[in-house]
């Protein structure tokens, strides 16, 4: 049995303030016996403008945000999945990757996943428009990372609407799915829980879903409802909308293997996903 936490935040435009808030939540998780904690998308900055992330972007392997994640992981003796941070793209575009970084309990960098599906949408019946591709360079590689708690498939926010990605992660042995997010209030209200539980059920995986929540400095409202879900789709714990907090749940790999053995839907697939 392993305790995991999905951390909910209401990040602002100050990186320093966000890191202070994240540290307090990580410390709180550790006091509850959590061994693996996941921070939400954009945990280090929710700017007044999308371009604000460019000003605080970091080269891969150095910078205050990455140093913070490594330090917290090492000092707290806890694996940390660092939501997303803006890592400078190396293609000369001036954009950043929305990079989800994983650090082990010794503070060592273990894995990186770059958000693949970018949120370029006009919300139906609302005056809300998003163009992540204006500042973010899309990733192109599914990532599964081996940990003492099981193999974790990484994804970010809008990725949740693309089940084929999760089939690829499951094909690579994923037992846990992590989905840091900053879902809008409108789309979260309509679809967040449904999508999270669907990804858990169809892949017989645990899902750790940390999220942003509340009204941010730019007026954008995010949904929250961070949760930990088991492979049968049960919500083990969740955080209410509108503020910071922790959703803590236990991962039981023995129970998961029993579920997969007794209900072998993953073995009944008739189609595969070509990469």
Protein backbone atom coordinates (compact mmCIF):
# COMPACT_ATOMS: atom_id res chain seq x y z
CA UNK A 1 0.00 0.00 0.00
CA UNK A 2 1.39 3.38 -1.01
CA UNK A 3 -0.09 6.75 -0.11
CA UNK A 4 -0.22 9.25 -2.97
CA UNK A 5 -1.44 12.84 -3.09
CA UNK A 6 -2.96 15.04 -5.77
CA UNK A 7 -2.16 18.62 -4.75
CA UNK A 8 -4.59 21.41 -5.58
CA UNK A 9 -3.41 25.02 -5.89
CA UNK A 10 -4.59 28.48 -6.89
CA UNK A 11 -1.38 29.69 -8.47
CA UNK A 12 -0.64 33.36 -9.10
CA UNK A 13 1.82 35.32 -11.26
CA UNK A 14 4.62 35.23 -8.65
CA UNK A 15 6.85 32.18 -8.95
CA UNK A 16 8.23 32.74 -5.45
CA UNK A 17 4.76 32.85 -3.89
CA UNK A 18 3.70 29.72 -5.75
CA UNK A 19 6.79 27.77 -4.69
CA UNK A 20 6.20 28.78 -1.07
CA UNK A 21 2.60 27.58 -1.31
CA UNK A 22 3.64 24.33 -3.00
CA UNK A 23 6.25 23.65 -0.32
CA UNK A 24 3.66 23.95 2.45
CA UNK A 25 1.33 21.54 0.66
CA UNK A 26 4.14 19.07 0.00
CA UNK A 27 5.14 19.20 3.67
CA UNK A 28 1.53 18.62 4.66
CA UNK A 29 1.40 15.61 2.35
CA UNK A 30 4.55 14.16 3.88
CA UNK A 31 3.16 14.44 7.41
CA UNK A 32 0.26 12.28 6.20
CA UNK A 33 2.64 9.56 5.06
CA UNK A 34 2.49 10.36 1.36
CA UNK A 35 5.32 8.83 -0.67
CA UNK A 36 4.35 10.21 -4.10
CA UNK A 37 2.88 13.70 -4.59
CA UNK A 38 1.81 15.37 -7.82
CA UNK A 39 1.51 19.12 -8.34
CA UNK A 40 -0.94 20.69 -10.81
CA UNK A 41 -0.31 22.08 -14.26
CA UNK A 42 1.30 25.54 -14.18
CA UNK A 43 1.93 25.17 -10.44
CA UNK A 44 4.84 27.63 -10.58
CA UNK A 45 3.05 30.36 -12.52
CA UNK A 46 -0.45 31.27 -13.66
CA UNK A 47 0.39 34.59 -15.28
CA UNK A 48 -1.79 37.53 -16.20
CA UNK A 49 -0.96 36.69 -19.83
CA UNK A 50 -0.02 33.41 -21.47
CA UNK A 51 3.28 34.96 -22.50
CA UNK A 52 4.27 35.51 -18.86
CA UNK A 53 5.53 31.93 -18.71
CA UNK A 54 8.17 32.82 -21.31
CA UNK A 55 9.78 35.30 -18.92
CA UNK A 56 10.31 32.66 -16.23
CA UNK A 57 11.15 29.77 -18.55
CA UNK A 58 14.17 27.64 -17.75
CA UNK A 59 16.66 25.62 -19.77
CA UNK A 60 16.40 21.92 -19.10
CA UNK A 61 18.46 20.91 -16.06
CA UNK A 62 18.79 24.26 -14.34
CA UNK A 63 16.77 27.10 -12.86
CA UNK A 64 14.95 27.90 -9.61
CA UNK A 65 11.80 25.89 -10.33
CA UNK A 66 13.69 22.71 -11.15
CA UNK A 67 15.99 23.28 -8.17
CA UNK A 68 12.91 23.66 -5.97
CA UNK A 69 11.47 20.33 -7.10
CA UNK A 70 14.76 18.52 -6.58
CA UNK A 71 15.27 20.10 -3.15
CA UNK A 72 11.75 19.31 -1.94
CA UNK A 73 11.96 15.72 -3.14
CA UNK A 74 15.30 15.16 -1.42
CA UNK A 75 14.51 16.98 1.82
CA UNK A 76 11.07 15.43 2.22
CA UNK A 77 12.14 11.98 1.04
CA UNK A 78 9.22 11.86 -1.38
CA UNK A 79 8.75 11.29 -5.10
CA UNK A 80 7.36 14.43 -6.75
CA UNK A 81 5.67 14.85 -10.11
CA UNK A 82 6.13 18.51 -10.90
CA UNK A 83 2.90 19.40 -12.69
CA UNK A 84 4.19 21.43 -15.61
CA UNK A 85 6.88 24.05 -15.79
CA UNK A 86 7.95 26.14 -18.81
CA UNK A 87 11.13 24.60 -20.26
CA UNK A 88 12.64 26.48 -23.18
CA UNK A 89 12.15 24.79 -26.53
CA UNK A 90 15.38 23.95 -28.29
CA UNK A 91 14.04 24.50 -31.79
CA UNK A 92 14.65 28.24 -31.88
CA UNK A 93 10.92 29.02 -31.90
CA UNK A 94 11.05 31.09 -28.71
CA UNK A 95 8.31 28.87 -27.28
CA UNK A 96 8.40 26.62 -24.23
CA UNK A 97 7.47 23.04 -23.54
CA UNK A 98 4.82 22.40 -20.90
CA UNK A 99 7.13 19.91 -19.21
CA UNK A 100 6.06 17.51 -16.49
CA UNK A 101 9.19 16.57 -14.52
CA UNK A 102 9.59 13.65 -12.11
CA UNK A 103 12.05 13.57 -9.21
CA UNK A 104 12.73 10.62 -6.92
CA UNK A 105 12.95 10.66 -3.12
CA UNK A 106 16.67 11.45 -3.30
CA UNK A 107 16.01 14.59 -5.32
CA UNK A 108 17.26 13.09 -8.56
CA UNK A 109 15.64 13.92 -11.90
CA UNK A 110 14.01 10.78 -13.32
CA UNK A 111 11.75 11.63 -16.25
CA UNK A 112 10.25 14.37 -18.41
CA UNK A 113 7.02 14.44 -20.39
CA UNK A 114 6.08 17.33 -22.68
CA UNK A 115 2.35 18.00 -23.09
CA UNK A 116 1.30 16.63 -26.47
CA UNK A 117 -2.23 17.96 -27.01
CA UNK A 118 -2.45 21.76 -26.86
CA UNK A 119 -5.59 23.60 -25.81
CA UNK A 120 -6.48 25.66 -28.90
CA UNK A 121 -10.23 26.11 -28.50
CA UNK A 122 -13.14 28.52 -28.44
CA UNK A 123 -15.50 27.39 -25.71
CA UNK A 124 -19.06 26.88 -26.95
CA UNK A 125 -21.52 29.60 -25.91
CA UNK A 126 -18.82 31.49 -23.97
CA UNK A 127 -16.45 34.38 -24.60
CA UNK A 128 -13.44 32.24 -23.78
CA UNK A 129 -10.69 31.56 -26.27
CA UNK A 130 -7.41 29.70 -25.71
CA UNK A 131 -4.40 29.26 -27.97
CA UNK A 132 -1.70 27.35 -26.11
CA UNK A 133 0.18 26.74 -29.35
CA UNK A 134 1.06 30.45 -29.48
CA UNK A 135 3.56 29.97 -26.64
CA UNK A 136 3.91 26.20 -26.18
CA UNK A 137 5.76 23.71 -28.37
CA UNK A 138 3.91 20.40 -28.37
CA UNK A 139 5.56 17.19 -27.26
CA UNK A 140 5.37 14.02 -29.32
CA UNK A 141 6.42 11.13 -27.08
CA UNK A 142 4.34 9.18 -24.54
CA UNK A 143 6.30 8.59 -21.33
CA UNK A 144 5.98 5.85 -18.72
CA UNK A 145 8.34 5.98 -15.75
CA UNK A 146 9.26 3.08 -13.47
CA UNK A 147 8.90 3.84 -9.75
CA UNK A 148 8.80 1.76 -6.56
CA UNK A 149 5.02 2.27 -6.56
CA UNK A 150 4.38 1.02 -10.09
CA UNK A 151 4.83 2.25 -13.65
CA UNK A 152 3.40 5.75 -14.07
CA UNK A 153 2.10 7.09 -17.35
CA UNK A 154 2.40 10.86 -17.61
CA UNK A 155 -0.10 13.22 -19.24
CA UNK A 156 -1.34 16.79 -18.85
CA UNK A 157 -4.81 18.40 -18.81
CA UNK A 158 -6.20 18.47 -22.37
CA UNK A 159 -4.50 15.11 -23.03
CA UNK A 160 -7.33 13.49 -21.05
CA UNK A 161 -9.67 13.91 -24.03
CA UNK A 162 -7.54 11.61 -26.20
CA UNK A 163 -7.99 8.02 -25.00
CA UNK A 164 -5.57 6.66 -27.58
CA UNK A 165 -2.72 8.26 -25.63
CA UNK A 166 -3.70 6.30 -22.54
CA UNK A 167 -3.88 3.06 -24.53
CA UNK A 168 -0.29 3.70 -25.59
CA UNK A 169 0.68 4.32 -21.98
CA UNK A 170 -1.10 1.15 -20.89
CA UNK A 171 0.65 -0.78 -23.67
CA UNK A 172 3.92 0.43 -22.13
CA UNK A 173 2.92 -1.06 -18.79
CA UNK A 174 1.29 1.87 -17.03
CA UNK A 175 -0.37 0.97 -13.73
CA UNK A 176 -0.85 4.55 -12.54
CA UNK A 177 -1.82 7.55 -14.66
CA UNK A 178 -0.92 11.07 -13.57
CA UNK A 179 -2.84 14.01 -14.99
CA UNK A 180 -1.88 17.48 -13.70
CA UNK A 181 -4.40 20.00 -15.00
CA UNK A 182 -5.72 23.53 -15.07
CA UNK A 183 -9.19 22.76 -16.45
CA UNK A 184 -11.42 25.75 -17.09
CA UNK A 185 -14.46 26.01 -14.82
CA UNK A 186 -16.81 25.53 -17.78
CA UNK A 187 -15.18 22.39 -19.17
CA UNK A 188 -14.44 21.06 -15.70
CA UNK A 189 -18.04 21.34 -14.64
CA UNK A 190 -19.12 19.45 -17.74
CA UNK A 191 -16.45 16.82 -18.23
CA UNK A 192 -13.62 16.63 -15.64
CA UNK A 193 -14.81 13.82 -13.36
CA UNK A 194 -16.32 11.84 -16.24
CA UNK A 195 -13.06 11.87 -18.19
CA UNK A 196 -10.83 11.09 -15.20
CA UNK A 197 -12.93 8.12 -14.13
CA UNK A 198 -13.23 6.87 -17.72
CA UNK A 199 -9.45 6.80 -18.14
CA UNK A 200 -9.16 4.84 -14.88
CA UNK A 201 -11.88 2.35 -15.76
CA UNK A 202 -10.93 1.60 -19.36
CA UNK A 203 -7.25 1.07 -18.47
CA UNK A 204 -7.77 -0.47 -15.01
CA UNK A 205 -5.31 2.09 -13.69
CA UNK A 206 -5.12 4.32 -10.66
CA UNK A 207 -5.34 8.00 -11.63
CA UNK A 208 -3.74 10.88 -9.74
CA UNK A 209 -5.30 14.14 -10.94
CA UNK A 210 -3.99 17.35 -9.30
CA UNK A 211 -5.55 20.58 -10.52
CA UNK A 212 -5.65 24.34 -10.34
CA UNK A 213 -8.75 25.77 -8.69
CA UNK A 214 -10.42 29.14 -8.26
CA UNK A 215 -10.16 32.57 -9.86
CA UNK A 216 -6.69 33.63 -10.95
CA UNK A 217 -5.16 37.08 -11.43
CA UNK A 218 -6.04 37.17 -15.13
CA UNK A 219 -9.71 36.52 -14.33
CA UNK A 220 -9.60 32.93 -15.53
CA UNK A 221 -11.43 30.46 -13.31
CA UNK A 222 -10.19 26.89 -13.01
CA UNK A 223 -12.32 24.01 -11.83
CA UNK A 224 -10.25 22.12 -9.26
CA UNK A 225 -11.83 18.91 -7.94
CA UNK A 226 -8.40 17.27 -7.65
CA UNK A 227 -8.83 13.57 -7.03
CA UNK A 228 -7.32 10.14 -6.71
CA UNK A 229 -9.29 7.40 -8.48
CA UNK A 230 -8.89 3.63 -8.29
CA UNK A 231 -8.93 1.19 -11.25
CA UNK A 232 -12.64 0.49 -10.79
CA UNK A 233 -13.44 4.19 -11.12
CA UNK A 234 -14.07 4.89 -7.43
CA UNK A 235 -12.99 8.33 -6.25
CA UNK A 236 -10.80 7.60 -3.23
CA UNK A 237 -10.45 11.24 -2.22
CA UNK A 238 -11.02 14.68 -3.69
CA UNK A 239 -10.56 18.38 -2.94
CA UNK A 240 -13.47 20.79 -3.22
CA UNK A 241 -13.39 23.51 -5.87
CA UNK A 242 -12.13 26.97 -5.06
CA UNK A 243 -9.02 26.53 -2.97
CA UNK A 244 -5.86 24.64 -2.14
CA UNK A 245 -5.64 21.22 -0.55
CA UNK A 246 -4.73 17.55 -0.87
CA UNK A 247 -6.53 14.50 -2.17
CA UNK A 248 -4.84 11.48 -0.58
CA UNK A 249 -5.41 7.89 -1.59
CA UNK A 250 -3.75 4.50 -1.24
CA UNK A 251 -2.46 2.51 -4.18
CA UNK A 252 -2.81 -1.23 -3.72
CA UNK A 253 -1.05 -3.02 -6.57
CA UNK A 254 -2.15 -6.44 -5.33
CA UNK A 255 -5.78 -5.35 -5.54
CA UNK A 256 -5.15 -3.87 -8.98
CA UNK A 257 -3.65 -7.12 -10.27
CA UNK A 258 -6.61 -9.04 -8.86
CA UNK A 259 -8.97 -6.69 -10.70
CA UNK A 260 -7.07 -7.11 -13.95
CA UNK A 261 -7.05 -10.89 -13.54
CA UNK A 262 -10.72 -11.27 -12.65
CA UNK A 263 -11.93 -8.66 -15.13
CA UNK A 264 -9.43 -9.06 -18.01
CA UNK A 265 -10.85 -6.44 -20.36
CA UNK A 266 -7.35 -5.33 -21.32
CA UNK A 267 -6.77 -8.80 -22.76
CA UNK A 268 -10.00 -8.68 -24.74
CA UNK A 269 -8.97 -5.81 -27.00
CA UNK A 270 -9.42 -6.43 -30.73
CA UNK A 271 -7.65 -3.36 -32.06
CA UNK A 272 -4.24 -1.89 -31.35
CA UNK A 273 -2.97 1.66 -31.65
CA UNK A 274 -0.33 2.20 -34.33
CA UNK A 275 2.45 4.62 -33.33
